C-alpha atoms as a PDB file:
ATOM      1  CA  MET A   1      79.199  50.350  89.208  1.00  0.00           C
ATOM      2  CA  LEU A   2      81.695  51.621  86.649  1.00  0.00           C
ATOM      3  CA  LEU A   3      80.380  52.392  83.192  1.00  0.00           C
ATOM      4  CA  ASP A   4      81.619  50.174  80.381  1.00  0.00           C
ATOM      5  CA  ASP A   5      83.411  53.003  78.568  1.00  0.00           C
ATOM      6  CA  LYS A   6      85.490  53.663  81.693  1.00  0.00           C
ATOM      7  CA  CYS A   7      86.562  50.073  82.300  1.00  0.00           C
ATOM      8  CA  ALA A   8      89.467  50.108  79.838  1.00  0.00           C
ATOM      9  CA  PHE A   9      90.785  53.356  81.273  1.00  0.00           C
ATOM     10  CA  VAL A  10      90.765  52.018  84.829  1.00  0.00           C
ATOM     11  CA  VAL A  11      92.267  48.668  83.819  1.00  0.00           C
ATOM     12  CA  GLU A  12      95.116  50.504  82.055  1.00  0.00           C
ATOM     13  CA  CYS A  13      95.831  52.201  85.354  1.00  0.00           C
ATOM     14  CA  GLY A  14      96.221  48.840  87.092  1.00  0.00           C
ATOM     15  CA  PHE A  15      92.833  48.451  88.768  1.00  0.00           C
ATOM     16  CA  LEU A  16      91.830  44.932  87.722  1.00  0.00           C
ATOM     17  CA  LYS A  17      88.710  44.272  89.745  1.00  0.00           C
ATOM     18  CA  PRO A  18      85.806  43.293  87.445  1.00  0.00           C
ATOM     19  CA  ALA A  19      83.417  46.187  86.854  1.00  0.00           C
ATOM     20  CA  ALA A  20      80.440  44.150  87.973  1.00  0.00           C
ATOM     21  CA  PHE A  21      81.889  43.877  91.475  1.00  0.00           C
ATOM     22  CA  VAL A  22      83.049  47.476  91.917  1.00  0.00           C
ATOM     23  CA  VAL A  23      81.386  49.288  94.831  1.00  0.00           C
ATOM     24  CA  MET A  24      81.675  52.733  96.414  1.00  0.00           C
ATOM     25  CA  ASP A  25      84.311  51.486  98.841  1.00  0.00           C
ATOM     26  CA  ASP A  26      86.621  50.869  95.859  1.00  0.00           C
ATOM     27  CA  ILE A  27      86.789  54.566  94.930  1.00  0.00           C
ATOM     28  CA  PRO A  28      89.960  55.269  97.006  1.00  0.00           C
ATOM     29  CA  ALA A  29      91.717  52.323  95.362  1.00  0.00           C
ATOM     30  CA  ILE A  30      90.704  53.547  91.905  1.00  0.00           C
ATOM     31  CA  ILE A  31      91.936  57.064  92.640  1.00  0.00           C
ATOM     32  CA  HIS A  32      95.220  55.657  93.930  1.00  0.00           C
ATOM     33  CA  ALA A  33      95.676  53.557  90.787  1.00  0.00           C
ATOM     34  CA  VAL A  34      94.957  56.503  88.457  1.00  0.00           C
ATOM     35  CA  PHE A  35      97.239  58.804  90.452  1.00  0.00           C
ATOM     36  CA  LEU A  36     100.065  56.264  90.463  1.00  0.00           C
ATOM     37  CA  GLU A  37      99.759  55.690  86.718  1.00  0.00           C
ATOM     38  CA  TYR A  38      99.547  59.285  85.518  1.00  0.00           C
ATOM     39  CA  VAL A  39     101.673  61.102  88.076  1.00  0.00           C
ATOM     40  CA  ILE A  40     104.423  58.560  88.767  1.00  0.00           C
ATOM     41  CA  LEU A  41     104.635  55.693  86.279  1.00  0.00           C
ATOM     42  CA  ARG A  42     104.060  57.721  83.104  1.00  0.00           C
ATOM     43  CA  SER A  43     106.602  60.286  84.271  1.00  0.00           C
ATOM     44  CA  THR A  44     109.361  57.819  85.165  1.00  0.00           C
ATOM     45  CA  GLN A  45     111.672  58.901  82.352  1.00  0.00           C
ATOM     46  CA  GLU A  46     111.157  62.600  83.070  1.00  0.00           C
ATOM     47  CA  ILE A  47     111.785  62.040  86.782  1.00  0.00           C
ATOM     48  CA  ALA A  48     114.947  60.081  85.987  1.00  0.00           C
ATOM     49  CA  GLN A  49     116.221  62.892  83.739  1.00  0.00           C
ATOM     50  CA  PHE A  50     115.443  65.463  86.437  1.00  0.00           C
ATOM     51  CA  LYS A  51     117.310  63.368  88.990  1.00  0.00           C
ATOM     52  CA  ASP A  52     120.286  63.000  86.654  1.00  0.00           C
ATOM     53  CA  GLY A  53     120.393  66.778  86.265  1.00  0.00           C
ATOM     54  CA  LEU A  54     120.362  67.274  90.032  1.00  0.00           C
ATOM     55  CA  GLU A  55     123.123  64.728  90.475  1.00  0.00           C
ATOM     56  CA  ALA A  56     125.252  66.364  87.765  1.00  0.00           C
ATOM     57  CA  LEU A  57     125.155  69.629  89.708  1.00  0.00           C
ATOM     58  CA  GLY A  58     125.613  68.012  93.099  1.00  0.00           C
ATOM     59  CA  ILE A  59     122.176  69.153  94.280  1.00  0.00           C
ATOM     60  CA  ALA A  60     120.840  65.618  94.725  1.00  0.00           C
ATOM     61  CA  THR A  61     123.569  64.912  97.275  1.00  0.00           C
ATOM     62  CA  LEU A  62     122.700  68.088  99.174  1.00  0.00           C
ATOM     63  CA  ILE A  63     119.018  67.124  99.230  1.00  0.00           C
ATOM     64  CA  GLN A  64     119.876  63.742 100.710  1.00  0.00           C
ATOM     65  CA  ARG A  65     122.201  65.224 103.336  1.00  0.00           C
ATOM     66  CA  TYR A  66     120.163  68.319 104.253  1.00  0.00           C
ATOM     67  CA  PRO A  67     116.517  67.595 103.356  1.00  0.00           C
ATOM     68  CA  LEU A  68     115.019  70.231 105.668  1.00  0.00           C
ATOM     69  CA  ALA A  69     117.379  72.997 104.586  1.00  0.00           C
ATOM     70  CA  MET A  70     116.854  72.213 100.886  1.00  0.00           C
ATOM     71  CA  ARG A  71     113.093  71.907 101.235  1.00  0.00           C
ATOM     72  CA  GLN A  72     112.521  75.661 101.010  1.00  0.00           C
ATOM     73  CA  LEU A  73     114.213  75.747  97.610  1.00  0.00           C
ATOM     74  CA  PHE A  74     111.635  73.419  96.066  1.00  0.00           C
ATOM     75  CA  ILE A  75     108.460  73.815  98.142  1.00  0.00           C
ATOM     76  CA  HIS A  76     106.676  77.125  98.578  1.00  0.00           C
ATOM     77  CA  ASP A  77     106.093  78.092 102.194  1.00  0.00           C
ATOM     78  CA  PRO A  78     102.947  80.274 102.410  1.00  0.00           C
ATOM     79  CA  THR A  79     103.658  81.014 106.078  1.00  0.00           C
ATOM     80  CA  ALA A  80     107.032  82.669 105.405  1.00  0.00           C
ATOM     81  CA  LYS A  81     106.845  86.380 106.187  1.00  0.00           C
ATOM     82  CA  VAL A  82     109.065  89.372 105.616  1.00  0.00           C
ATOM     83  CA  THR A  83     110.089  90.857 108.956  1.00  0.00           C
ATOM     84  CA  ALA A  84     111.654  94.121 110.065  1.00  0.00           C
ATOM     85  CA  GLN A  85     114.801  92.251 111.089  1.00  0.00           C
ATOM     86  CA  TYR A  86     115.065  90.647 107.650  1.00  0.00           C
ATOM     87  CA  LEU A  87     114.915  94.067 105.977  1.00  0.00           C
ATOM     88  CA  ALA A  88     117.438  95.506 108.435  1.00  0.00           C
ATOM     89  CA  ASP A  89     119.853  92.674 107.644  1.00  0.00           C
ATOM     90  CA  LEU A  90     119.186  92.856 103.900  1.00  0.00           C
ATOM     91  CA  LEU A  91     119.675  96.600 103.433  1.00  0.00           C
ATOM     92  CA  LYS A  92     122.957  97.725 104.899  1.00  0.00           C
ATOM     93  CA  PRO A  93     123.864 101.399 104.413  1.00  0.00           C
ATOM     94  CA  ALA A  94     127.289 102.566 103.319  1.00  0.00           C
ATOM     95  CA  LEU A  95     128.197 105.316 105.763  1.00  0.00           C
ATOM     96  CA  SER A  96     130.561 108.171 105.057  1.00  0.00           C
ATOM     97  CA  PRO A  97     133.811 108.181 107.077  1.00  0.00           C
ATOM     98  CA  ARG A  98     133.582 109.612 110.580  1.00  0.00           C
ATOM     99  CA  GLY A  99     134.128 113.348 110.515  1.00  0.00           C
ATOM    100  CA  HIS A 100     132.470 113.716 107.112  1.00  0.00           C
ATOM    101  CA  ASN A 101     129.922 116.533 107.036  1.00  0.00           C
ATOM    102  CA  GLN A 102     127.160 114.068 106.001  1.00  0.00           C
ATOM    103  CA  ARG A 103     127.862 111.429 108.638  1.00  0.00           C
ATOM    104  CA  GLU A 104     125.639 112.950 111.340  1.00  0.00           C
ATOM    105  CA  ASP A 105     122.636 113.206 109.013  1.00  0.00           C
ATOM    106  CA  GLU A 106     123.252 109.693 107.703  1.00  0.00           C
ATOM    107  CA  GLU A 107     123.132 108.299 111.231  1.00  0.00           C
ATOM    108  CA  ALA A 108     119.911 110.227 111.921  1.00  0.00           C
ATOM    109  CA  VAL A 109     118.299 108.810 108.763  1.00  0.00           C
ATOM    110  CA  ILE A 110     119.423 105.279 109.667  1.00  0.00           C
ATOM    111  CA  LEU A 111     117.845 105.661 113.105  1.00  0.00           C
ATOM    112  CA  ASN A 112     114.612 106.803 111.469  1.00  0.00           C
ATOM    113  CA  TRP A 113     114.795 103.856 109.053  1.00  0.00           C
ATOM    114  CA  ASN A 114     115.177 101.325 111.868  1.00  0.00           C
ATOM    115  CA  ASN A 115     112.318 102.914 113.817  1.00  0.00           C
ATOM    116  CA  TYR A 116     110.158 102.876 110.699  1.00  0.00           C
ATOM    117  CA  LEU A 117     110.797  99.170 110.180  1.00  0.00           C
ATOM    118  CA  GLN A 118     109.803  98.418 113.759  1.00  0.00           C
ATOM    119  CA  ASP A 119     106.643 100.515 113.405  1.00  0.00           C
ATOM    120  CA  THR A 120     105.532  98.664 110.262  1.00  0.00           C
ATOM    121  CA  GLU A 121     105.984  95.351 112.061  1.00  0.00           C
ATOM    122  CA  GLY A 122     104.175  96.760 115.099  1.00  0.00           C
ATOM    123  CA  ILE A 123     101.192  97.606 112.929  1.00  0.00           C
ATOM    124  CA  ILE A 124     100.962  93.984 111.795  1.00  0.00           C
ATOM    125  CA  CYS A 125     101.136  92.744 115.392  1.00  0.00           C
ATOM    126  CA  ALA A 126      98.464  95.241 116.424  1.00  0.00           C
ATOM    127  CA  GLN A 127      96.224  94.201 113.535  1.00  0.00           C
ATOM    128  CA  GLN A 128      96.637  90.518 114.403  1.00  0.00           C
ATOM    129  CA  LEU A 129      95.850  91.265 118.062  1.00  0.00           C
ATOM    130  CA  LEU A 130      92.737  93.197 117.109  1.00  0.00           C
ATOM    131  CA  ASP A 131      91.566  90.458 114.758  1.00  0.00           C
ATOM    132  CA  GLU A 132      91.969  87.865 117.499  1.00  0.00           C
ATOM    133  CA  MET A 133      90.080  90.039 119.981  1.00  0.00           C
ATOM    134  CA  CYS A 134      87.270  90.627 117.519  1.00  0.00           C
ATOM    135  CA  ARG A 135      86.939  86.926 116.769  1.00  0.00           C
ATOM    136  CA  ASN A 136      86.673  86.139 120.472  1.00  0.00           C
ATOM    137  CA  CYS A 137      84.333  89.015 121.265  1.00  0.00           C
ATOM    138  CA  PRO A 138      80.685  87.833 121.412  1.00  0.00           C
ATOM    139  CA  HIS A 139      79.438  91.322 120.527  1.00  0.00           C
ATOM    140  CA  ARG A 140      81.883  91.930 117.645  1.00  0.00           C
ATOM    141  CA  CYS A 141      82.857  95.347 119.018  1.00  0.00           C
ATOM    142  CA  VAL A 142      85.336  96.071 116.257  1.00  0.00           C
ATOM    143  CA  PHE A 143      85.358  99.854 116.623  1.00  0.00           C
ATOM    144  CA  ILE A 144      85.709  99.720 120.395  1.00  0.00           C
ATOM    145  CA  HIS A 145      88.624  97.271 120.189  1.00  0.00           C
ATOM    146  CA  TYR A 146      90.362  99.438 117.615  1.00  0.00           C
ATOM    147  CA  THR A 147      89.975 102.585 119.688  1.00  0.00           C
ATOM    148  CA  VAL A 148      91.050 101.086 122.999  1.00  0.00           C
ATOM    149  CA  TYR A 149      93.809  98.647 122.150  1.00  0.00           C
ATOM    150  CA  LEU A 150      95.766 100.095 119.239  1.00  0.00           C
ATOM    151  CA  PRO A 151      99.257 100.961 120.549  1.00  0.00           C
ATOM    152  CA  ALA A 152     100.043 104.623 121.048  1.00  0.00           C
ATOM    153  CA  GLY A 153     101.707 106.222 118.056  1.00  0.00           C
ATOM    154  CA  LEU A 154     100.238 103.715 115.574  1.00  0.00           C
ATOM    155  CA  GLU A 155      96.664 104.957 115.488  1.00  0.00           C
ATOM    156  CA  ASP A 156      97.362 107.363 112.603  1.00  0.00           C
ATOM    157  CA  ALA A 157     100.084 105.345 110.896  1.00  0.00           C
ATOM    158  CA  ALA A 158      99.606 104.127 107.340  1.00  0.00           C
ATOM    159  CA  ALA A 159      99.178 100.431 106.724  1.00  0.00           C
ATOM    160  CA  VAL A 160     102.649  99.880 105.281  1.00  0.00           C
ATOM    161  CA  THR A 161     103.992  96.396 105.939  1.00  0.00           C
ATOM    162  CA  PRO A 162     107.531  94.962 105.692  1.00  0.00           C
ATOM    163  CA  SER A 163     106.531  93.006 102.579  1.00  0.00           C
ATOM    164  CA  MET A 164     105.409  96.253 100.939  1.00  0.00           C
ATOM    165  CA  ILE A 165     108.789  97.798 101.694  1.00  0.00           C
ATOM    166  CA  LEU A 166     110.555  94.813 100.146  1.00  0.00           C
ATOM    167  CA  SER A 167     108.335  95.102  97.079  1.00  0.00           C
ATOM    168  CA  PHE A 168     109.087  98.825  96.838  1.00  0.00           C
ATOM    169  CA  VAL A 169     112.833  98.158  96.755  1.00  0.00           C
ATOM    170  CA  THR A 170     113.046  94.875  94.834  1.00  0.00           C
ATOM    171  CA  GLY A 171     109.680  94.223  93.195  1.00  0.00           C
ATOM    172  CA  ALA A 172     109.337  91.002  95.211  1.00  0.00           C
ATOM    173  CA  GLU A 173     106.806  90.690  98.025  1.00  0.00           C
ATOM    174  CA  LYS A 174     108.683  87.756  99.541  1.00  0.00           C
ATOM    175  CA  ALA A 175     112.320  86.831  99.776  1.00  0.00           C
ATOM    176  CA  PRO A 176     113.465  84.461  96.983  1.00  0.00           C
ATOM    177  CA  PRO A 177     114.574  81.086  98.421  1.00  0.00           C
ATOM    178  CA  MET A 178     118.005  81.450  96.819  1.00  0.00           C
ATOM    179  CA  GLY A 179     118.320  85.161  97.477  1.00  0.00           C
ATOM    180  CA  PHE A 180     118.485  88.071  95.065  1.00  0.00           C
ATOM    181  CA  PRO A 181     120.773  88.042  92.004  1.00  0.00           C
ATOM    182  CA  VAL A 182     122.601  91.078  93.390  1.00  0.00           C
ATOM    183  CA  GLN A 183     122.837  92.366  96.952  1.00  0.00           C
ATOM    184  CA  PRO A 184     120.198  95.042  97.580  1.00  0.00           C
ATOM    185  CA  SER A 185     121.776  98.345  98.547  1.00  0.00           C
ATOM    186  CA  PHE A 186     120.893 101.280 100.781  1.00  0.00           C
ATOM    187  CA  LYS A 187     122.034 104.691  99.561  1.00  0.00           C
ATOM    188  CA  PHE A 188     121.581 108.313 100.556  1.00  0.00           C
ATOM    189  CA  ILE A 189     120.403 111.299  98.523  1.00  0.00           C
ATOM    190  CA  ALA A 190     122.524 114.309  99.402  1.00  0.00           C
ATOM    191  CA  ASP A 191     120.328 116.848  97.576  1.00  0.00           C
ATOM    192  CA  ARG A 192     118.473 118.705 100.354  1.00  0.00           C
ATOM    193  CA  HIS A 193     115.655 119.618  97.968  1.00  0.00           C
ATOM    194  CA  GLN A 194     114.864 115.913  97.452  1.00  0.00           C
ATOM    195  CA  THR A 195     112.566 114.731 100.247  1.00  0.00           C
ATOM    196  CA  LEU A 196     110.863 111.727  98.682  1.00  0.00           C
ATOM    197  CA  PRO A 197     112.473 108.271  99.055  1.00  0.00           C
ATOM    198  CA  THR A 198     112.960 106.399  95.795  1.00  0.00           C
ATOM    199  CA  ALA A 199     114.035 102.933  94.730  1.00  0.00           C
ATOM    200  CA  SER A 200     115.358 101.103  91.691  1.00  0.00           C
ATOM    201  CA  THR A 201     113.976  97.590  91.339  1.00  0.00           C
ATOM    202  CA  CYS A 202     116.455  96.925  88.525  1.00  0.00           C
ATOM    203  CA  SER A 203     119.547  97.588  90.632  1.00  0.00           C
ATOM    204  CA  LEU A 204     117.730  96.682  93.891  1.00  0.00           C
ATOM    205  CA  ALA A 205     118.627  99.988  95.504  1.00  0.00           C
ATOM    206  CA  LEU A 206     116.806 102.105  98.078  1.00  0.00           C
ATOM    207  CA  TYR A 207     117.553 105.835  98.130  1.00  0.00           C
ATOM    208  CA  LEU A 208     116.766 107.833 101.282  1.00  0.00           C
ATOM    209  CA  PRO A 209     117.117 111.634 101.358  1.00  0.00           C
ATOM    210  CA  LEU A 210     119.434 113.070 103.997  1.00  0.00           C
ATOM    211  CA  ALA A 211     116.862 115.825 104.464  1.00  0.00           C
ATOM    212  CA  LEU A 212     114.624 113.375 106.377  1.00  0.00           C
ATOM    213  CA  THR A 213     116.268 113.679 109.779  1.00  0.00           C
ATOM    214  CA  ASP A 214     112.931 114.298 111.556  1.00  0.00           C
ATOM    215  CA  TYR A 215     111.133 110.992 112.153  1.00  0.00           C
ATOM    216  CA  ARG A 216     107.617 112.311 111.655  1.00  0.00           C
ATOM    217  CA  VAL A 217     108.553 113.731 108.265  1.00  0.00           C
ATOM    218  CA  PHE A 218     110.508 110.553 107.432  1.00  0.00           C
ATOM    219  CA  GLN A 219     107.466 108.408 108.209  1.00  0.00           C
ATOM    220  CA  GLU A 220     105.123 110.570 106.139  1.00  0.00           C
ATOM    221  CA  ARG A 221     107.457 110.574 103.138  1.00  0.00           C
ATOM    222  CA  MET A 222     108.090 106.825 103.305  1.00  0.00           C
ATOM    223  CA  ASP A 223     104.362 106.152 103.506  1.00  0.00           C
ATOM    224  CA  MET A 224     103.741 108.482 100.564  1.00  0.00           C
ATOM    225  CA  ALA A 225     106.418 106.846  98.427  1.00  0.00           C
ATOM    226  CA  ILE A 226     105.360 103.265  99.148  1.00  0.00           C
ATOM    227  CA  LEU A 227     101.584 103.682  99.145  1.00  0.00           C
ATOM    228  CA  ASN A 228     101.631 105.629  95.875  1.00  0.00           C
ATOM    229  CA  THR A 229     103.725 103.030  94.064  1.00  0.00           C
ATOM    230  CA  VAL A 230     101.556 101.257  91.497  1.00  0.00           C
ATOM    231  CA  GLY A 231     103.590  98.063  91.611  1.00  0.00           C
ATOM    232  CA  PHE A 232     104.124  95.231  89.172  1.00  0.00           C
ATOM    233  CA  GLY A 233     101.240  93.625  87.320  1.00  0.00           C
ATOM    234  CA  GLN A 234      98.826  96.434  88.204  1.00  0.00           C
ATOM    235  CA  VAL A 235      97.372  99.290  86.192  1.00  0.00           C
END
């Protein structure tokens, strides 16, 4: 039974059943009444103002016409992941004209970059495969699974993921629903003494040294740069 000091509160929310007759089965109806009152009815004016603002900008019409496409702008999707293909499409290099003395090295670095992206995504797939195997293994042979099934070439790779690369370049671990304020860029460092990749999260630019034409060295330097970045909000 509801306590007397709660009766007025519940009645104000539209639940009018006398307190003496309230039973446990009425709890869902009470919750619904309180939710409707405080989330919807008491926010009617605010909701109307928000709707007016959307209509003034033409967004309300777009929501009505393309509800699924507009959904991602208003509702966070925890399953959305940064992929190697997304990074490849996002960061487009500006190549020197053909015949330029840097063009050959630029193409070699781009090839290393694309291979590196695929390797970071391959590590995630391998980790997911191992996790699934370990969950289904009755003996929980984690070490054995890791030793036997990890793809060749990835066993000594660092645990850099595509989302970590995006964070290194932009400061964001996931792609903003409406995109970045400026187009992220991919630039080369011509100084042969510079062998460590860098990035500017203010200008959203990734800088890759032309000295990294060997993939093994490229991978080691990328891992070093990304894994030693403190990041935002950390000390």
